[in-house]
Amino acid sequence: MTKTLPIVSAAILASLLGAGWAQAAETAAERGEILARRWCAACHVVTADQTTASSDAPSFFVLTGDRARTAAGLADFLLLPGTTHSQMPDLHLSRVEIADIVAYVVSLPK
C-alpha cells in the first residue's frame, strides 16, 4: 500500500516558507543594521539619515574611521561592554548578533 502526498503548488510552498527564505538571504551586515537600529540608535548615530543621538556616544561612522578599532576589537568590546566603558549597557547580545552588528559597522563608509 502506497501513501500519496498532497500536491502543494510552488506558490503555496513559497508563501509558507517565504519568510524563512527571505531571512536566509539577508547578509550579516543587513541583520546588523536592523539590530543597530533597534538596540544602538537610542545612543549612537547608526545610519546616515538618523538625526538624534547622545552626544556622549560615538557615531558608528566614527568607529569605522578609527584605525585602532578593529572588527575583533569591536566584537570583544560588545562581549564585555561594562568592563571597558561603564556607560555602555550590557544588552545581552548573542555572539551571532554581535558578529552581525560588527559586520554592519565594518560595512559603513569610512
N, C-alpha and C. Protein backbone atom coordinates (compact mmCIF):
# COMPACT_ATOMS: atom_id res chain seq x y z
N MET A 1 0.83 -1.17 0.00
CA MET A 1 0.00 0.00 0.00
C MET A 1 0.89 1.25 0.00
N THR A 2 0.68 2.11 -0.95
CA THR A 2 1.48 3.31 -1.10
C THR A 2 0.69 4.52 -0.61
N LYS A 3 1.36 5.35 0.17
CA LYS A 3 0.71 6.59 0.61
C LYS A 3 0.99 7.66 -0.42
N THR A 4 0.01 8.47 -0.67
CA THR A 4 0.21 9.59 -1.58
C THR A 4 0.29 10.87 -0.76
N LEU A 5 1.16 11.71 -1.18
CA LEU A 5 1.32 13.00 -0.51
C LEU A 5 0.48 14.05 -1.23
N PRO A 6 -0.11 14.97 -0.48
CA PRO A 6 -0.88 16.01 -1.14
C PRO A 6 0.04 16.86 -2.01
N ILE A 7 -0.49 17.29 -3.12
CA ILE A 7 0.28 18.14 -4.02
C ILE A 7 0.17 19.58 -3.52
N VAL A 8 1.31 20.19 -3.31
CA VAL A 8 1.35 21.58 -2.87
C VAL A 8 1.96 22.39 -3.99
N SER A 9 1.25 23.40 -4.40
CA SER A 9 1.76 24.22 -5.50
C SER A 9 3.01 24.97 -5.06
N ALA A 10 3.82 25.30 -6.01
CA ALA A 10 5.04 26.05 -5.71
C ALA A 10 4.70 27.40 -5.09
N ALA A 11 3.61 28.02 -5.51
CA ALA A 11 3.22 29.32 -4.96
C ALA A 11 2.84 29.21 -3.48
N ILE A 12 2.09 28.16 -3.15
CA ILE A 12 1.71 27.96 -1.75
C ILE A 12 2.94 27.65 -0.92
N LEU A 13 3.80 26.78 -1.42
CA LEU A 13 5.02 26.44 -0.70
C LEU A 13 5.89 27.67 -0.50
N ALA A 14 6.02 28.49 -1.52
CA ALA A 14 6.83 29.70 -1.41
C ALA A 14 6.24 30.65 -0.38
N SER A 15 4.91 30.78 -0.34
CA SER A 15 4.31 31.68 0.64
C SER A 15 4.46 31.14 2.05
N LEU A 16 4.42 29.82 2.22
CA LEU A 16 4.60 29.23 3.54
C LEU A 16 6.04 29.36 4.03
N LEU A 17 6.98 29.21 3.13
CA LEU A 17 8.39 29.24 3.50
C LEU A 17 9.09 30.54 3.16
N GLY A 18 8.39 31.45 2.53
CA GLY A 18 9.00 32.68 2.05
C GLY A 18 9.72 33.48 3.11
N ALA A 19 9.13 33.60 4.30
CA ALA A 19 9.77 34.39 5.35
C ALA A 19 11.12 33.79 5.72
N GLY A 20 11.21 32.48 5.80
CA GLY A 20 12.48 31.83 6.12
C GLY A 20 13.51 32.03 5.03
N TRP A 21 13.06 31.96 3.78
CA TRP A 21 13.98 32.19 2.67
C TRP A 21 14.47 33.62 2.66
N ALA A 22 13.59 34.57 2.95
CA ALA A 22 13.97 35.98 2.96
C ALA A 22 15.01 36.24 4.05
N GLN A 23 14.80 35.63 5.22
CA GLN A 23 15.75 35.83 6.30
C GLN A 23 17.10 35.24 5.95
N ALA A 24 17.12 34.11 5.30
CA ALA A 24 18.37 33.48 4.92
C ALA A 24 19.12 34.33 3.90
N ALA A 25 18.38 35.09 3.10
CA ALA A 25 19.00 35.90 2.07
C ALA A 25 19.65 37.16 2.64
N GLU A 26 19.27 37.57 3.84
CA GLU A 26 19.87 38.76 4.43
C GLU A 26 21.33 38.49 4.75
N THR A 27 22.14 39.52 4.57
CA THR A 27 23.54 39.39 4.93
C THR A 27 23.73 39.71 6.40
N ALA A 28 24.89 39.39 6.91
CA ALA A 28 25.19 39.71 8.31
C ALA A 28 25.10 41.22 8.52
N ALA A 29 25.59 42.01 7.57
CA ALA A 29 25.54 43.47 7.71
C ALA A 29 24.09 43.98 7.72
N GLU A 30 23.23 43.38 6.91
CA GLU A 30 21.82 43.78 6.90
C GLU A 30 21.14 43.44 8.23
N ARG A 31 21.44 42.26 8.75
CA ARG A 31 20.89 41.90 10.06
C ARG A 31 21.46 42.81 11.13
N GLY A 32 22.74 43.16 11.00
CA GLY A 32 23.39 44.06 11.96
C GLY A 32 22.77 45.44 11.95
N GLU A 33 22.41 45.93 10.78
CA GLU A 33 21.76 47.25 10.71
C GLU A 33 20.42 47.22 11.43
N ILE A 34 19.66 46.15 11.26
CA ILE A 34 18.37 46.02 11.95
C ILE A 34 18.59 46.03 13.46
N LEU A 35 19.57 45.28 13.92
CA LEU A 35 19.88 45.25 15.35
C LEU A 35 20.36 46.60 15.85
N ALA A 36 21.21 47.26 15.06
CA ALA A 36 21.73 48.57 15.46
C ALA A 36 20.61 49.59 15.57
N ARG A 37 19.69 49.57 14.63
CA ARG A 37 18.55 50.49 14.70
C ARG A 37 17.71 50.21 15.96
N ARG A 38 17.57 48.94 16.30
CA ARG A 38 16.74 48.56 17.44
C ARG A 38 17.43 48.84 18.78
N TRP A 39 18.70 48.45 18.91
CA TRP A 39 19.36 48.49 20.21
C TRP A 39 20.35 49.63 20.41
N CYS A 40 20.92 50.15 19.34
CA CYS A 40 22.02 51.10 19.49
C CYS A 40 21.63 52.54 19.19
N ALA A 41 20.60 52.73 18.38
CA ALA A 41 20.25 54.07 17.88
C ALA A 41 19.75 55.02 18.97
N ALA A 42 19.38 54.52 20.12
CA ALA A 42 18.97 55.41 21.21
C ALA A 42 20.14 56.27 21.68
N CYS A 43 21.35 55.75 21.55
CA CYS A 43 22.54 56.49 22.00
C CYS A 43 23.46 56.88 20.85
N HIS A 44 23.65 55.99 19.88
CA HIS A 44 24.61 56.20 18.79
C HIS A 44 23.90 56.58 17.50
N VAL A 45 24.58 57.37 16.66
CA VAL A 45 24.12 57.54 15.29
C VAL A 45 24.55 56.29 14.55
N VAL A 46 23.57 55.54 14.02
CA VAL A 46 23.89 54.27 13.39
C VAL A 46 23.62 54.27 11.88
N THR A 47 22.88 55.27 11.40
CA THR A 47 22.60 55.38 9.96
C THR A 47 22.79 56.82 9.52
N ALA A 48 23.03 57.00 8.25
CA ALA A 48 23.27 58.34 7.72
C ALA A 48 22.06 59.25 7.86
N ASP A 49 20.86 58.69 7.89
CA ASP A 49 19.66 59.51 7.97
C ASP A 49 19.18 59.76 9.40
N GLN A 50 19.90 59.24 10.39
CA GLN A 50 19.50 59.44 11.79
C GLN A 50 19.82 60.87 12.21
N THR A 51 18.90 61.52 12.89
CA THR A 51 19.08 62.94 13.23
C THR A 51 19.38 63.19 14.70
N THR A 52 19.10 62.25 15.59
CA THR A 52 19.35 62.48 17.02
C THR A 52 20.07 61.30 17.64
N ALA A 53 20.89 61.60 18.63
CA ALA A 53 21.60 60.59 19.41
C ALA A 53 22.25 61.29 20.58
N SER A 54 22.82 60.53 21.49
CA SER A 54 23.54 61.10 22.63
C SER A 54 24.85 61.70 22.16
N SER A 55 25.19 62.86 22.71
CA SER A 55 26.47 63.48 22.34
C SER A 55 27.65 62.74 22.99
N ASP A 56 27.37 61.90 23.97
CA ASP A 56 28.43 61.15 24.65
C ASP A 56 28.81 59.86 23.95
N ALA A 57 27.95 59.38 23.04
CA ALA A 57 28.19 58.11 22.38
C ALA A 57 28.72 58.35 20.96
N PRO A 58 29.80 57.68 20.58
CA PRO A 58 30.36 57.91 19.24
C PRO A 58 29.43 57.38 18.15
N SER A 59 29.42 58.08 17.05
CA SER A 59 28.69 57.64 15.86
C SER A 59 29.32 56.36 15.34
N PHE A 60 28.52 55.48 14.76
CA PHE A 60 29.07 54.29 14.14
C PHE A 60 30.02 54.67 13.00
N PHE A 61 29.81 55.83 12.39
CA PHE A 61 30.66 56.28 11.29
C PHE A 61 32.04 56.68 11.82
N VAL A 62 32.11 57.18 13.03
CA VAL A 62 33.39 57.49 13.66
C VAL A 62 34.14 56.19 13.96
N LEU A 63 33.40 55.18 14.37
CA LEU A 63 34.02 53.89 14.68
C LEU A 63 34.70 53.29 13.46
N THR A 64 34.11 53.48 12.28
CA THR A 64 34.71 52.90 11.08
C THR A 64 35.98 53.64 10.67
N GLY A 65 36.09 54.90 11.03
CA GLY A 65 37.25 55.68 10.64
C GLY A 65 38.43 55.57 11.59
N ASP A 66 38.22 54.99 12.75
CA ASP A 66 39.27 54.85 13.75
C ASP A 66 40.06 53.57 13.48
N ARG A 67 41.28 53.72 12.98
CA ARG A 67 42.09 52.55 12.63
C ARG A 67 42.39 51.64 13.82
N ALA A 68 42.36 52.20 15.03
CA ALA A 68 42.65 51.40 16.22
C ALA A 68 41.50 50.46 16.56
N ARG A 69 40.33 50.73 16.02
CA ARG A 69 39.17 49.89 16.30
C ARG A 69 38.99 48.88 15.18
N THR A 70 39.34 47.66 15.48
CA THR A 70 39.23 46.59 14.50
C THR A 70 37.91 45.85 14.71
N ALA A 71 37.55 45.01 13.74
CA ALA A 71 36.35 44.20 13.88
C ALA A 71 36.45 43.30 15.12
N ALA A 72 37.61 42.71 15.34
CA ALA A 72 37.79 41.85 16.51
C ALA A 72 37.69 42.66 17.80
N GLY A 73 38.25 43.86 17.79
CA GLY A 73 38.17 44.71 18.97
C GLY A 73 36.75 45.14 19.29
N LEU A 74 35.98 45.48 18.25
CA LEU A 74 34.57 45.84 18.46
C LEU A 74 33.78 44.66 19.00
N ALA A 75 34.04 43.48 18.47
CA ALA A 75 33.35 42.28 18.95
C ALA A 75 33.69 42.02 20.41
N ASP A 76 34.96 42.13 20.78
CA ASP A 76 35.37 41.94 22.17
C ASP A 76 34.69 42.96 23.07
N PHE A 77 34.64 44.20 22.62
CA PHE A 77 34.00 45.27 23.40
C PHE A 77 32.53 44.95 23.65
N LEU A 78 31.84 44.48 22.61
CA LEU A 78 30.41 44.18 22.76
C LEU A 78 30.16 42.94 23.61
N LEU A 79 31.15 42.04 23.67
CA LEU A 79 31.00 40.87 24.54
C LEU A 79 31.04 41.26 26.01
N LEU A 80 31.87 42.25 26.34
CA LEU A 80 32.04 42.68 27.74
C LEU A 80 31.99 44.21 27.82
N PRO A 81 30.84 44.82 27.53
CA PRO A 81 30.78 46.28 27.44
C PRO A 81 31.07 47.01 28.74
N GLY A 82 30.64 46.51 29.87
CA GLY A 82 30.80 47.23 31.12
C GLY A 82 32.22 47.26 31.64
N THR A 83 33.09 46.39 31.14
CA THR A 83 34.45 46.32 31.66
C THR A 83 35.33 47.43 31.11
N THR A 84 35.02 47.96 29.94
CA THR A 84 35.87 48.99 29.35
C THR A 84 35.19 50.35 29.27
N HIS A 85 33.89 50.37 29.40
CA HIS A 85 33.17 51.63 29.28
C HIS A 85 31.88 51.51 30.10
N SER A 86 31.87 52.09 31.27
CA SER A 86 30.77 51.86 32.21
C SER A 86 29.43 52.38 31.72
N GLN A 87 29.40 53.33 30.79
CA GLN A 87 28.13 53.87 30.31
C GLN A 87 27.45 52.97 29.29
N MET A 88 28.18 52.04 28.74
CA MET A 88 27.62 51.13 27.75
C MET A 88 26.86 50.02 28.46
N PRO A 89 25.55 49.92 28.23
CA PRO A 89 24.79 48.86 28.92
C PRO A 89 25.09 47.48 28.32
N ASP A 90 24.91 46.46 29.13
CA ASP A 90 25.04 45.09 28.64
C ASP A 90 23.69 44.70 28.04
N LEU A 91 23.63 44.60 26.74
CA LEU A 91 22.39 44.28 26.05
C LEU A 91 22.15 42.78 25.93
N HIS A 92 23.06 41.99 26.46
CA HIS A 92 22.96 40.53 26.42
C HIS A 92 22.79 40.04 24.98
N LEU A 93 23.63 40.56 24.10
CA LEU A 93 23.60 40.15 22.70
C LEU A 93 24.27 38.79 22.55
N SER A 94 23.73 37.99 21.65
CA SER A 94 24.37 36.70 21.35
C SER A 94 25.62 36.94 20.51
N ARG A 95 26.44 35.94 20.40
CA ARG A 95 27.65 36.08 19.58
C ARG A 95 27.30 36.32 18.11
N VAL A 96 26.22 35.73 17.65
CA VAL A 96 25.77 35.94 16.27
C VAL A 96 25.31 37.39 16.09
N GLU A 97 24.56 37.91 17.05
CA GLU A 97 24.11 39.30 16.97
C GLU A 97 25.30 40.26 17.00
N ILE A 98 26.27 39.97 17.83
CA ILE A 98 27.48 40.80 17.89
C ILE A 98 28.21 40.76 16.55
N ALA A 99 28.36 39.58 15.99
CA ALA A 99 29.03 39.46 14.68
C ALA A 99 28.26 40.24 13.61
N ASP A 100 26.94 40.22 13.67
CA ASP A 100 26.13 40.94 12.69
C ASP A 100 26.29 42.45 12.85
N ILE A 101 26.30 42.94 14.09
CA ILE A 101 26.48 44.38 14.32
C ILE A 101 27.87 44.80 13.86
N VAL A 102 28.88 44.01 14.18
CA VAL A 102 30.24 44.32 13.73
C VAL A 102 30.31 44.33 12.21
N ALA A 103 29.66 43.37 11.56
CA ALA A 103 29.64 43.34 10.09
C ALA A 103 29.00 44.61 9.54
N TYR A 104 27.96 45.09 10.20
CA TYR A 104 27.31 46.33 9.77
C TYR A 104 28.26 47.51 9.95
N VAL A 105 28.89 47.63 11.10
CA VAL A 105 29.80 48.75 11.34
C VAL A 105 30.94 48.74 10.31
N VAL A 106 31.50 47.57 10.05
CA VAL A 106 32.60 47.45 9.11
C VAL A 106 32.14 47.80 7.68
N SER A 107 30.87 47.58 7.38
CA SER A 107 30.36 47.85 6.04
C SER A 107 30.11 49.34 5.77
N LEU A 108 30.10 50.15 6.82
CA LEU A 108 29.81 51.57 6.66
C LEU A 108 30.95 52.28 5.94
N PRO A 109 30.63 53.34 5.20
CA PRO A 109 31.70 54.08 4.50
C PRO A 109 32.63 54.75 5.52
N LYS A 110 33.89 54.77 5.17
CA LYS A 110 34.90 55.38 6.06
C LYS A 110 35.06 56.84 5.73
